[in-house]
Amino acid sequence: MQTLNIFPKPVSLVVKPGTFRITKSTPVVASGEAQQAGILFCDLIAPATGLKLPIQRNSSAQPSIVFKLNPSVKLPPEGYHLTISPKQVTVQSPHLAGLRHAVQTLRQLLPVSIYASHPISGVDWTMPYVEIEDYPRFSWRGAMLDVVRHFMPVEFIFRFLDLLALHKLNSFHWHLTDDQGWRVEIKKYPRLTEVGAWRRHTMVGHWNENKTTPQYDDIRHGGYYTQDEMRQVVAYATRLGINVVPEIEMPGHAQAAIASYPELGNSDEKIEVSSGWGIHTHVYNVEESTIKFMQDVLEEVMSIFPSTFIHVGGDEVPKQEWKDSPRAQQRIRELGLSNEDELQSYFISRMDNFLTQHGRRLIGWDEILEGGLAPNATVMSWRGEAGGIAAAQAGHDVVMAPNTYTYFDYYQSPDNTAEPLAIGALLPLETVYSYEPIPQDIDESNIHHILGVQGQLWSEYIPTPAKVEYMVFPRLCALAEVAWTAAGQKDFITFKGRLAAHLLRLDQLNVNYRQLD
């Protein structure tokens, strides 16, 4: 099967002799909701072609590009059927999501200069005659970006979304709060951004080399996204077919919030927004007032983000403050709990109930299994696959995100000296591509609980958008194919050959990807 370097690799592709040419008079035909896909296609090809294609509701006698929602097409919601023939380009899908993915495929069928940001002269804008049937293997195909350790401008968030859509990824996990900063405007609690969005300096060099005598720069660092900006991001992502999943960390990774509102903590100690990395001991207390505070935060978050899933973190929660706090110990007794693990489970269960009452679903890192999993929770399994397997076997949905295959803050080469500073460990391209998200040890009856897979970029050592791109690409290209393409259709040798051609598209987009070895 000739693939024409479509990314991710499609389910079925047949190439036929001949090409379809797009000219200034080629109409785009779409009606109803399908018009959104037609408009997206026109907007995406306009910068390079200089063409403003006419959009019309009814079919045309001349060769045209047709987007059609067709419930009778027997494909999953994100699937599409694409036919290019002498008379017409026809895209059909049972759902708008499928039409949006087909838009990305159409771009990939055009000459590579279609990705240029300015008009390119002398190019014949043709696509080969093909018949493609395509649909994803998994419903959750995601990427997480940590904008806390290093703040990223909102303009880059839009660009990052464009790159996710290019690879038919449909979930953007936005890590918005942590010990080193609070990045989301909460109108009821303004100090979260007045205080919590800023740290007075930042650790220099690697954390492992700074444990005893930390070194810092002298630059105040921070920033946050207004609610208007975040709504713009959501609208932009929706247009591309991407769901934005916000993450508000709790009950750990809470130092920026406690620095803003000390009553959320477990002691009278005055603390600052953290300037260093690693696991921090400061966690939220479990008083009713703190639970109400965090639920107020989630109410405003839900008003911004329509996502069914709301991520509450739940990872790396040191229990020492709770062990040392007379009030926390009293709470354990009042609630009839056995230990601090169950206290964390109680906290998460309260958030689970709250989100469920609002028609949302709680998702958290696999530590939320400790002390008992909240009834409606979904687990993101990062410490290997054990947490994901346990959650799925217990009837909970799971997103696989094991650090050994999906952590893009890891080095890309065994020769660390040839690479920019990273957190450690090694994750080369081939290892990412080799990942199989369905664990061998899971019962067949529970496989449906594996929603999909997600890549992570934690930004302790990622200070700029350019370095984000270097660490993410081309590894995210590999993970996109893991998430989309059936396991039996994957082959690393042919993938790497297709990837070399695909990277020419990233060149046109000026993506600062790591070169292939």
Protein backbone atom coordinates (compact mmCIF):
# COMPACT_ATOMS: atom_id res chain seq x y z
CA MET A 1 0.00 0.00 0.00
CA GLN A 2 1.40 3.39 -0.96
CA THR A 3 0.95 5.77 1.95
CA LEU A 4 1.88 9.12 0.39
CA ASN A 5 3.34 9.98 3.80
CA ILE A 6 -0.05 10.53 5.40
CA PHE A 7 0.39 11.00 9.16
CA PRO A 8 -0.73 9.10 11.10
CA LYS A 9 -0.80 6.08 8.78
CA PRO A 10 -4.37 5.59 7.51
CA VAL A 11 -6.38 2.41 7.76
CA SER A 12 -6.78 2.03 4.00
CA LEU A 13 -5.37 4.02 1.09
CA VAL A 14 -5.63 3.27 -2.63
CA VAL A 15 -3.82 5.52 -5.12
CA LYS A 16 -5.09 5.85 -8.69
CA PRO A 17 -3.55 7.52 -11.75
CA GLY A 18 -4.18 11.24 -12.14
CA THR A 19 -4.43 14.40 -10.05
CA PHE A 20 -7.10 16.88 -8.98
CA ARG A 21 -6.09 20.52 -9.35
CA ILE A 22 -7.26 23.32 -7.08
CA THR A 23 -7.72 26.71 -8.73
CA LYS A 24 -9.21 29.99 -7.64
CA SER A 25 -12.58 28.90 -9.03
CA THR A 26 -12.70 25.49 -7.31
CA PRO A 27 -15.77 25.63 -5.06
CA VAL A 28 -15.98 24.08 -1.62
CA VAL A 29 -19.44 22.59 -1.15
CA ALA A 30 -20.73 22.11 2.38
CA SER A 31 -23.96 22.72 4.24
CA GLY A 32 -25.03 22.73 7.86
CA GLU A 33 -22.42 21.68 10.38
CA ALA A 34 -20.17 20.38 7.60
CA GLN A 35 -19.51 23.99 6.60
CA GLN A 36 -17.20 24.26 9.61
CA ALA A 37 -14.86 21.71 8.00
CA GLY A 38 -15.11 23.45 4.63
CA ILE A 39 -14.22 26.81 6.14
CA LEU A 40 -11.33 25.24 8.08
CA PHE A 41 -9.92 23.74 4.88
CA CYS A 42 -10.15 27.05 3.04
CA ASP A 43 -8.52 28.95 5.90
CA LEU A 44 -5.65 26.46 6.20
CA ILE A 45 -4.70 26.47 2.54
CA ALA A 46 -5.20 30.20 1.95
CA PRO A 47 -1.82 31.51 3.26
CA ALA A 48 0.31 29.40 0.90
CA THR A 49 -1.98 29.31 -2.15
CA GLY A 50 -3.23 32.87 -1.94
CA LEU A 51 -6.62 31.45 -2.94
CA LYS A 52 -9.92 32.39 -1.40
CA LEU A 53 -12.04 29.47 -2.50
CA PRO A 54 -15.78 30.07 -2.85
CA ILE A 55 -17.91 28.19 -0.29
CA GLN A 56 -21.39 27.18 -1.37
CA ARG A 57 -24.18 25.02 -0.01
CA ASN A 58 -25.23 23.24 -3.19
CA SER A 59 -23.34 20.98 -5.57
CA SER A 60 -21.58 22.42 -8.59
CA ALA A 61 -21.20 21.26 -12.19
CA GLN A 62 -17.49 22.08 -12.11
CA PRO A 63 -14.89 20.05 -10.19
CA SER A 64 -15.42 20.77 -6.51
CA ILE A 65 -14.43 19.80 -2.97
CA VAL A 66 -17.40 18.43 -1.04
CA PHE A 67 -17.67 17.97 2.73
CA LYS A 68 -20.69 15.95 3.78
CA LEU A 69 -22.02 14.66 7.07
CA ASN A 70 -23.50 11.27 6.33
CA PRO A 71 -24.93 9.18 9.20
CA SER A 72 -25.09 6.14 6.91
CA VAL A 73 -21.28 6.00 6.63
CA LYS A 74 -20.41 2.99 8.78
CA LEU A 75 -17.41 4.44 10.56
CA PRO A 76 -16.60 5.55 14.12
CA PRO A 77 -17.38 9.24 14.86
CA GLU A 78 -13.82 10.36 14.07
CA GLY A 79 -13.60 8.25 10.93
CA TYR A 80 -13.89 9.57 7.39
CA HIS A 81 -14.09 8.39 3.81
CA LEU A 82 -12.17 10.45 1.26
CA THR A 83 -12.35 10.03 -2.51
CA ILE A 84 -10.49 12.16 -5.02
CA SER A 85 -11.56 11.69 -8.62
CA PRO A 86 -11.49 13.83 -11.80
CA LYS A 87 -14.82 15.48 -11.04
CA GLN A 88 -14.79 15.83 -7.31
CA VAL A 89 -13.09 15.57 -3.95
CA THR A 90 -15.64 13.97 -1.64
CA VAL A 91 -15.23 13.77 2.13
CA GLN A 92 -17.86 11.97 4.17
CA SER A 93 -18.11 11.21 7.85
CA PRO A 94 -20.84 10.48 10.38
CA HIS A 95 -19.49 13.28 12.58
CA LEU A 96 -17.86 16.69 12.21
CA ALA A 97 -14.76 15.34 13.98
CA GLY A 98 -14.13 12.99 11.06
CA LEU A 99 -14.43 15.81 8.54
CA ARG A 100 -11.88 17.83 10.50
CA HIS A 101 -9.39 14.97 10.41
CA ALA A 102 -9.97 14.64 6.66
CA VAL A 103 -9.02 18.32 6.30
CA GLN A 104 -5.58 17.48 7.71
CA THR A 105 -5.27 14.55 5.29
CA LEU A 106 -6.15 16.80 2.34
CA ARG A 107 -3.40 19.22 3.36
CA GLN A 108 -0.94 16.32 3.45
CA LEU A 109 -1.96 15.27 -0.06
CA LEU A 110 -1.04 18.72 -1.43
CA PRO A 111 2.54 19.82 -2.20
CA VAL A 112 4.58 20.37 0.95
CA SER A 113 4.68 24.14 0.42
CA ILE A 114 0.99 24.21 1.42
CA TYR A 115 2.32 24.64 4.97
CA ALA A 116 4.06 27.92 4.16
CA SER A 117 2.78 31.01 5.94
CA HIS A 118 2.94 33.23 2.84
CA PRO A 119 1.91 32.87 -0.83
CA ILE A 120 4.12 30.52 -2.85
CA SER A 121 4.18 31.17 -6.58
CA GLY A 122 4.69 28.66 -9.34
CA VAL A 123 3.18 25.69 -7.47
CA ASP A 124 0.60 23.45 -9.09
CA TRP A 125 -1.81 22.76 -6.22
CA THR A 126 -2.73 19.19 -7.05
CA MET A 127 -3.75 16.11 -5.08
CA PRO A 128 -3.50 12.53 -6.37
CA TYR A 129 -6.61 10.54 -7.08
CA VAL A 130 -7.08 8.40 -3.96
CA GLU A 131 -9.61 6.52 -1.95
CA ILE A 132 -9.01 6.60 1.78
CA GLU A 133 -10.97 5.05 4.62
CA ASP A 134 -9.61 6.05 7.97
CA TYR A 135 -10.44 6.09 11.66
CA PRO A 136 -8.46 6.14 14.92
CA ARG A 137 -7.66 3.18 17.12
CA PHE A 138 -8.18 5.14 20.36
CA SER A 139 -10.61 7.89 21.31
CA TRP A 140 -8.10 9.74 23.57
CA ARG A 141 -5.03 10.86 21.68
CA GLY A 142 -3.40 13.56 23.71
CA ALA A 143 -0.48 15.76 24.64
CA MET A 144 0.11 17.47 27.97
CA LEU A 145 2.00 20.77 28.26
CA ASP A 146 3.23 22.07 31.61
CA VAL A 147 3.10 25.87 31.52
CA VAL A 148 3.81 26.24 35.25
CA ARG A 149 7.51 25.50 35.62
CA HIS A 150 8.00 27.80 32.64
CA PHE A 151 5.19 30.01 31.40
CA MET A 152 4.40 29.84 27.70
CA PRO A 153 2.77 32.81 25.88
CA VAL A 154 -0.78 32.28 24.71
CA GLU A 155 0.31 32.76 21.09
CA PHE A 156 2.40 29.61 21.42
CA ILE A 157 -0.57 27.68 22.81
CA PHE A 158 -2.42 28.39 19.55
CA ARG A 159 0.60 27.16 17.56
CA PHE A 160 0.88 24.06 19.70
CA LEU A 161 -2.78 23.28 19.02
CA ASP A 162 -2.16 23.63 15.28
CA LEU A 163 0.61 21.04 15.55
CA LEU A 164 -1.57 18.65 17.53
CA ALA A 165 -4.34 18.92 14.94
CA LEU A 166 -1.86 18.28 12.12
CA HIS A 167 -1.18 14.89 13.72
CA LYS A 168 -4.87 14.17 14.37
CA LEU A 169 -4.48 14.41 18.14
CA ASN A 170 -7.70 15.39 19.87
CA SER A 171 -6.84 16.17 23.50
CA PHE A 172 -4.77 19.03 24.88
CA HIS A 173 -4.04 18.51 28.59
CA TRP A 174 -3.13 21.94 29.98
CA HIS A 175 -1.16 21.72 33.25
CA LEU A 176 -2.07 25.07 34.79
CA THR A 177 -1.18 24.98 38.51
CA ASP A 178 1.70 23.63 40.59
CA ASP A 179 4.22 24.57 43.27
CA GLN A 180 6.07 26.98 40.96
CA GLY A 181 3.10 28.98 39.73
CA TRP A 182 -0.65 29.41 39.30
CA ARG A 183 -1.51 30.19 35.68
CA VAL A 184 -5.32 30.41 35.57
CA GLU A 185 -7.25 33.56 36.49
CA ILE A 186 -9.82 32.90 39.23
CA LYS A 187 -11.91 36.00 39.76
CA LYS A 188 -13.16 35.00 43.23
CA TYR A 189 -9.60 34.52 44.49
CA PRO A 190 -7.41 37.16 42.78
CA ARG A 191 -4.33 36.50 44.92
CA LEU A 192 -3.89 33.18 43.13
CA THR A 193 -2.52 35.17 40.20
CA GLU A 194 -1.47 38.37 41.97
CA VAL A 195 0.85 36.32 44.20
CA GLY A 196 0.79 32.75 42.94
CA ALA A 197 1.59 33.46 39.29
CA TRP A 198 5.06 34.84 40.10
CA ARG A 199 8.26 33.49 41.62
CA ARG A 200 11.17 35.72 42.48
CA HIS A 201 13.78 33.61 40.67
CA THR A 202 14.35 30.17 39.14
CA MET A 203 16.76 27.35 39.82
CA VAL A 204 19.74 27.25 37.46
CA GLY A 205 21.09 23.93 36.22
CA HIS A 206 19.81 20.48 37.10
CA TRP A 207 17.94 19.82 40.34
CA ASN A 208 20.17 16.85 41.17
CA GLU A 209 23.19 19.18 41.23
CA ASN A 210 21.41 21.81 43.34
CA LYS A 211 20.05 19.84 46.29
CA THR A 212 22.61 21.02 48.83
CA THR A 213 23.53 24.50 47.58
CA PRO A 214 20.85 25.59 45.09
CA GLN A 215 21.82 28.18 42.50
CA TYR A 216 19.25 30.63 41.11
CA ASP A 217 19.08 33.29 38.46
CA ASP A 218 17.99 36.79 39.44
CA ILE A 219 14.97 36.99 37.11
CA ARG A 220 11.40 37.21 38.35
CA HIS A 221 9.40 34.65 36.38
CA GLY A 222 5.69 34.17 35.85
CA GLY A 223 2.53 34.97 34.02
CA TYR A 224 -1.00 33.70 33.76
CA TYR A 225 -3.86 33.35 31.30
CA THR A 226 -6.93 35.52 31.67
CA GLN A 227 -10.29 33.87 31.46
CA ASP A 228 -10.87 35.59 28.12
CA GLU A 229 -7.59 34.20 26.78
CA MET A 230 -8.46 30.70 27.93
CA ARG A 231 -11.88 30.92 26.29
CA GLN A 232 -10.13 31.96 23.08
CA VAL A 233 -7.89 28.90 23.37
CA VAL A 234 -10.92 26.66 23.90
CA ALA A 235 -12.68 28.15 20.86
CA TYR A 236 -9.57 27.76 18.72
CA ALA A 237 -9.07 24.18 19.84
CA THR A 238 -12.72 23.31 19.24
CA ARG A 239 -12.46 24.57 15.67
CA LEU A 240 -9.57 22.15 15.16
CA GLY A 241 -11.39 19.25 16.81
CA ILE A 242 -9.34 19.31 20.03
CA ASN A 243 -10.72 19.05 23.56
CA VAL A 244 -8.89 21.14 26.19
CA VAL A 245 -8.53 19.34 29.53
CA PRO A 246 -7.48 21.76 32.31
CA GLU A 247 -5.47 20.46 35.25
CA ILE A 248 -5.84 22.05 38.69
CA GLU A 249 -3.49 20.18 41.03
CA MET A 250 -4.73 18.99 44.44
CA PRO A 251 -4.11 18.18 47.24
CA GLY A 252 -0.36 18.25 46.52
CA HIS A 253 1.70 20.46 44.21
CA ALA A 254 -0.07 23.29 46.02
CA GLN A 255 2.69 25.64 47.16
CA ALA A 256 1.81 28.53 44.84
CA ALA A 257 -1.80 28.48 46.05
CA ILE A 258 -0.79 28.23 49.72
CA ALA A 259 1.65 31.11 49.25
CA SER A 260 -1.33 33.11 47.97
CA TYR A 261 -3.80 32.00 50.66
CA PRO A 262 -1.91 30.63 53.70
CA GLU A 263 -5.11 29.36 55.33
CA LEU A 264 -5.13 26.57 52.75
CA GLY A 265 -2.01 25.05 54.30
CA ASN A 266 -1.33 22.95 57.37
CA SER A 267 0.86 25.29 59.42
CA ASP A 268 1.48 28.94 60.14
CA GLU A 269 4.72 28.88 58.19
CA LYS A 270 4.93 31.70 55.64
CA ILE A 271 5.97 30.25 52.29
CA GLU A 272 6.75 31.63 48.84
CA VAL A 273 5.95 30.38 45.39
CA SER A 274 8.61 27.75 44.79
CA SER A 275 11.67 28.55 42.70
CA GLY A 276 12.96 25.00 42.54
CA TRP A 277 11.97 21.58 41.29
CA GLY A 278 11.20 18.24 42.88
CA ILE A 279 8.42 17.08 45.20
CA HIS A 280 7.32 19.68 47.74
CA THR A 281 6.04 18.95 51.23
CA HIS A 282 3.37 21.68 51.32
CA VAL A 283 -0.10 20.29 50.62
CA TYR A 284 -3.64 21.54 51.13
CA ASN A 285 -5.34 20.86 54.43
CA VAL A 286 -8.62 18.94 54.34
CA GLU A 287 -10.83 21.43 56.15
CA GLU A 288 -14.32 22.11 54.78
CA SER A 289 -13.22 25.66 54.01
CA THR A 290 -10.38 24.41 51.80
CA ILE A 291 -12.61 21.92 50.03
CA LYS A 292 -15.08 24.75 49.39
CA PHE A 293 -12.24 26.97 48.14
CA MET A 294 -11.12 24.36 45.62
CA GLN A 295 -14.68 23.70 44.51
CA ASP A 296 -15.13 27.44 43.95
CA VAL A 297 -12.00 27.29 41.78
CA LEU A 298 -13.40 24.32 39.85
CA GLU A 299 -16.68 26.17 39.28
CA GLU A 300 -14.85 28.98 37.51
CA VAL A 301 -12.69 26.46 35.63
CA MET A 302 -15.83 24.68 34.41
CA SER A 303 -17.27 28.01 33.25
CA ILE A 304 -14.24 28.37 30.95
CA PHE A 305 -13.63 24.80 29.84
CA PRO A 306 -16.53 22.73 28.47
CA SER A 307 -14.45 19.54 28.66
CA THR A 308 -16.25 16.57 30.20
CA PHE A 309 -12.95 15.66 31.88
CA ILE A 310 -11.42 17.93 34.52
CA HIS A 311 -7.96 16.88 35.75
CA VAL A 312 -7.26 17.31 39.47
CA GLY A 313 -3.69 15.98 39.57
CA GLY A 314 -3.55 13.94 42.76
CA ASP A 315 0.08 12.90 42.23
CA GLU A 316 3.11 13.08 44.50
CA VAL A 317 1.32 14.04 47.73
CA PRO A 318 3.71 13.85 50.70
CA LYS A 319 1.75 13.00 53.84
CA GLN A 320 4.18 14.36 56.45
CA GLU A 321 2.31 17.62 57.04
CA TRP A 322 -0.89 15.68 57.67
CA LYS A 323 0.97 13.32 60.02
CA ASP A 324 2.36 16.28 61.96
CA SER A 325 -0.86 18.30 62.02
CA PRO A 326 -3.12 17.76 65.05
CA ARG A 327 -6.04 19.08 63.04
CA ALA A 328 -5.40 16.68 60.13
CA GLN A 329 -5.22 13.79 62.58
CA GLN A 330 -8.47 14.96 64.13
CA ARG A 331 -10.07 15.04 60.68
CA ILE A 332 -8.97 11.44 60.09
CA ARG A 333 -10.72 10.44 63.32
CA GLU A 334 -13.82 12.56 62.61
CA LEU A 335 -14.22 10.97 59.19
CA GLY A 336 -13.60 7.44 60.43
CA LEU A 337 -10.56 6.99 58.23
CA SER A 338 -7.61 4.69 58.85
CA ASN A 339 -4.67 6.75 57.62
CA GLU A 340 -3.40 9.64 55.51
CA ASP A 341 -3.83 7.71 52.25
CA GLU A 342 -7.52 7.45 52.98
CA LEU A 343 -7.57 11.17 53.80
CA GLN A 344 -6.27 11.90 50.31
CA SER A 345 -8.87 9.54 48.87
CA TYR A 346 -11.56 11.41 50.83
CA PHE A 347 -10.37 14.74 49.40
CA ILE A 348 -10.40 13.38 45.84
CA SER A 349 -13.81 11.73 46.38
CA ARG A 350 -15.28 15.07 47.42
CA MET A 351 -14.04 16.58 44.16
CA ASP A 352 -15.29 13.55 42.23
CA ASN A 353 -18.79 13.97 43.68
CA PHE A 354 -18.72 17.70 43.00
CA LEU A 355 -17.69 17.29 39.37
CA THR A 356 -20.20 14.49 38.84
CA GLN A 357 -22.99 16.72 40.14
CA HIS A 358 -21.99 19.24 37.48
CA GLY A 359 -22.05 16.67 34.70
CA ARG A 360 -18.26 16.40 34.51
CA ARG A 361 -15.77 13.57 35.07
CA LEU A 362 -12.74 13.65 37.35
CA ILE A 363 -9.45 12.41 35.97
CA GLY A 364 -6.22 12.21 37.95
CA TRP A 365 -2.75 10.67 37.99
CA ASP A 366 -2.54 7.08 39.20
CA GLU A 367 -1.77 8.06 42.82
CA ILE A 368 -5.50 8.69 43.23
CA LEU A 369 -5.76 4.90 43.52
CA GLU A 370 -4.05 5.06 46.93
CA GLY A 371 -6.50 4.83 49.79
CA GLY A 372 -9.35 3.84 47.48
CA LEU A 373 -10.44 5.21 44.10
CA ALA A 374 -13.32 7.66 43.85
CA PRO A 375 -16.37 6.00 42.23
CA ASN A 376 -16.46 7.95 38.96
CA ALA A 377 -12.74 8.71 38.57
CA THR A 378 -10.68 8.10 35.46
CA VAL A 379 -7.00 7.29 35.93
CA MET A 380 -4.03 8.62 33.96
CA SER A 381 -1.37 5.96 34.46
CA TRP A 382 2.11 7.51 34.53
CA ARG A 383 4.17 5.34 36.91
CA GLY A 384 4.31 2.52 34.41
CA GLU A 385 1.17 0.55 33.60
CA ALA A 386 0.28 -1.03 36.96
CA GLY A 387 -2.06 1.77 38.00
CA GLY A 388 -3.82 1.69 34.66
CA ILE A 389 -4.26 -2.06 34.80
CA ALA A 390 -5.62 -1.94 38.36
CA ALA A 391 -8.05 0.85 37.50
CA ALA A 392 -9.30 -0.86 34.33
CA GLN A 393 -9.73 -4.19 36.12
CA ALA A 394 -11.83 -2.32 38.71
CA GLY A 395 -14.06 -0.92 35.95
CA HIS A 396 -12.56 2.56 35.65
CA ASP A 397 -11.54 4.27 32.42
CA VAL A 398 -7.83 4.82 31.87
CA VAL A 399 -5.50 6.97 29.78
CA MET A 400 -2.10 5.35 29.38
CA ALA A 401 0.77 7.82 29.97
CA PRO A 402 3.70 5.74 31.26
CA ASN A 403 6.84 7.78 31.77
CA THR A 404 9.00 5.13 30.08
CA TYR A 405 7.25 5.71 26.73
CA THR A 406 5.50 9.08 26.84
CA TYR A 407 7.63 11.57 28.82
CA PHE A 408 9.10 13.98 26.32
CA ASP A 409 11.16 15.83 28.94
CA TYR A 410 13.53 12.81 28.80
CA TYR A 411 16.71 12.81 26.71
CA GLN A 412 16.46 11.78 23.06
CA SER A 413 20.00 10.41 22.74
CA PRO A 414 22.29 8.31 24.99
CA ASP A 415 24.89 11.05 24.55
CA ASN A 416 23.53 13.66 26.98
CA THR A 417 26.38 16.02 26.20
CA ALA A 418 25.06 16.44 22.66
CA GLU A 419 21.56 17.33 23.87
CA PRO A 420 20.11 20.30 25.75
CA LEU A 421 19.55 19.85 29.48
CA ALA A 422 16.75 17.42 30.31
CA ILE A 423 15.33 15.92 33.48
CA GLY A 424 17.10 12.60 32.89
CA ALA A 425 16.41 9.09 31.56
CA LEU A 426 16.31 8.23 27.87
CA LEU A 427 13.36 8.07 25.49
CA PRO A 428 14.44 7.72 21.86
CA LEU A 429 12.06 7.91 18.93
CA GLU A 430 11.99 4.14 18.35
CA THR A 431 10.95 3.47 21.95
CA VAL A 432 8.02 5.87 21.65
CA TYR A 433 6.93 4.18 18.43
CA SER A 434 7.19 0.73 20.00
CA TYR A 435 4.65 1.47 22.71
CA GLU A 436 1.54 -0.71 22.89
CA PRO A 437 -1.15 1.02 25.00
CA ILE A 438 -3.15 -2.16 25.67
CA PRO A 439 -1.26 -3.91 28.49
CA GLN A 440 -0.71 -7.64 28.14
CA ASP A 441 -1.91 -8.26 31.70
CA ILE A 442 -5.37 -6.78 31.28
CA ASP A 443 -8.43 -8.98 30.89
CA GLU A 444 -9.99 -8.82 27.46
CA SER A 445 -13.32 -7.82 29.02
CA ASN A 446 -11.72 -4.65 30.39
CA ILE A 447 -9.80 -3.52 27.32
CA HIS A 448 -12.59 -1.06 26.47
CA HIS A 449 -11.62 0.93 29.56
CA ILE A 450 -8.33 1.93 27.89
CA LEU A 451 -9.43 5.22 26.34
CA GLY A 452 -6.10 5.93 24.73
CA VAL A 453 -2.64 7.36 25.19
CA GLN A 454 -1.01 10.71 25.89
CA GLY A 455 2.44 12.31 25.70
CA GLN A 456 3.72 14.56 28.51
CA LEU A 457 6.08 17.53 28.52
CA TRP A 458 7.05 18.77 31.97
CA SER A 459 8.86 22.06 31.67
CA GLU A 460 11.42 22.32 34.50
CA TYR A 461 14.15 22.44 31.85
CA ILE A 462 12.03 23.76 28.99
CA PRO A 463 12.19 27.57 29.23
CA THR A 464 11.11 28.53 25.70
CA PRO A 465 8.62 27.54 22.98
CA ALA A 466 11.55 26.60 20.73
CA LYS A 467 12.74 24.04 23.26
CA VAL A 468 9.19 22.71 23.67
CA GLU A 469 9.20 21.96 19.96
CA TYR A 470 12.66 20.39 20.10
CA MET A 471 11.67 18.03 22.90
CA VAL A 472 8.24 17.15 21.49
CA PHE A 473 8.99 16.63 17.81
CA PRO A 474 9.43 14.21 16.17
CA ARG A 475 8.58 12.00 19.16
CA LEU A 476 4.98 13.20 19.14
CA CYS A 477 4.73 12.16 15.48
CA ALA A 478 5.52 8.63 16.64
CA LEU A 479 3.04 8.72 19.51
CA ALA A 480 0.33 10.07 17.20
CA GLU A 481 0.71 6.95 15.09
CA VAL A 482 0.65 4.76 18.20
CA ALA A 483 -2.66 6.39 19.13
CA TRP A 484 -4.25 6.32 15.66
CA THR A 485 -2.94 3.34 13.75
CA ALA A 486 -3.74 -0.33 14.40
CA ALA A 487 -0.86 -2.18 16.03
CA GLY A 488 -0.60 -4.62 13.13
CA GLN A 489 -0.07 -1.80 10.64
CA LYS A 490 2.88 -0.26 12.47
CA ASP A 491 6.43 -0.72 11.26
CA PHE A 492 9.28 1.46 12.51
CA ILE A 493 11.47 1.14 9.41
CA THR A 494 8.77 2.37 7.04
CA PHE A 495 7.63 4.91 9.66
CA LYS A 496 11.07 6.48 9.76
CA GLY A 497 11.16 6.69 5.97
CA ARG A 498 7.77 8.41 5.88
CA LEU A 499 8.80 10.62 8.78
CA ALA A 500 11.72 12.06 6.81
CA ALA A 501 9.21 13.32 4.23
CA HIS A 502 6.78 14.48 6.92
CA LEU A 503 9.47 16.59 8.56
CA LEU A 504 9.57 18.69 5.39
CA ARG A 505 6.10 19.89 6.42
CA LEU A 506 7.44 20.85 9.83
CA ASP A 507 10.24 22.70 8.04
CA GLN A 508 7.64 24.79 6.23
CA LEU A 509 6.03 25.54 9.60
CA ASN A 510 9.42 26.49 11.08
CA VAL A 511 9.10 23.88 13.82
CA ASN A 512 12.30 23.52 15.83
CA TYR A 513 12.24 19.71 15.84
CA ARG A 514 15.18 17.47 16.66
CA GLN A 515 16.86 16.13 13.53
CA LEU A 516 16.70 12.40 12.88
CA ASP A 517 19.76 10.34 13.78
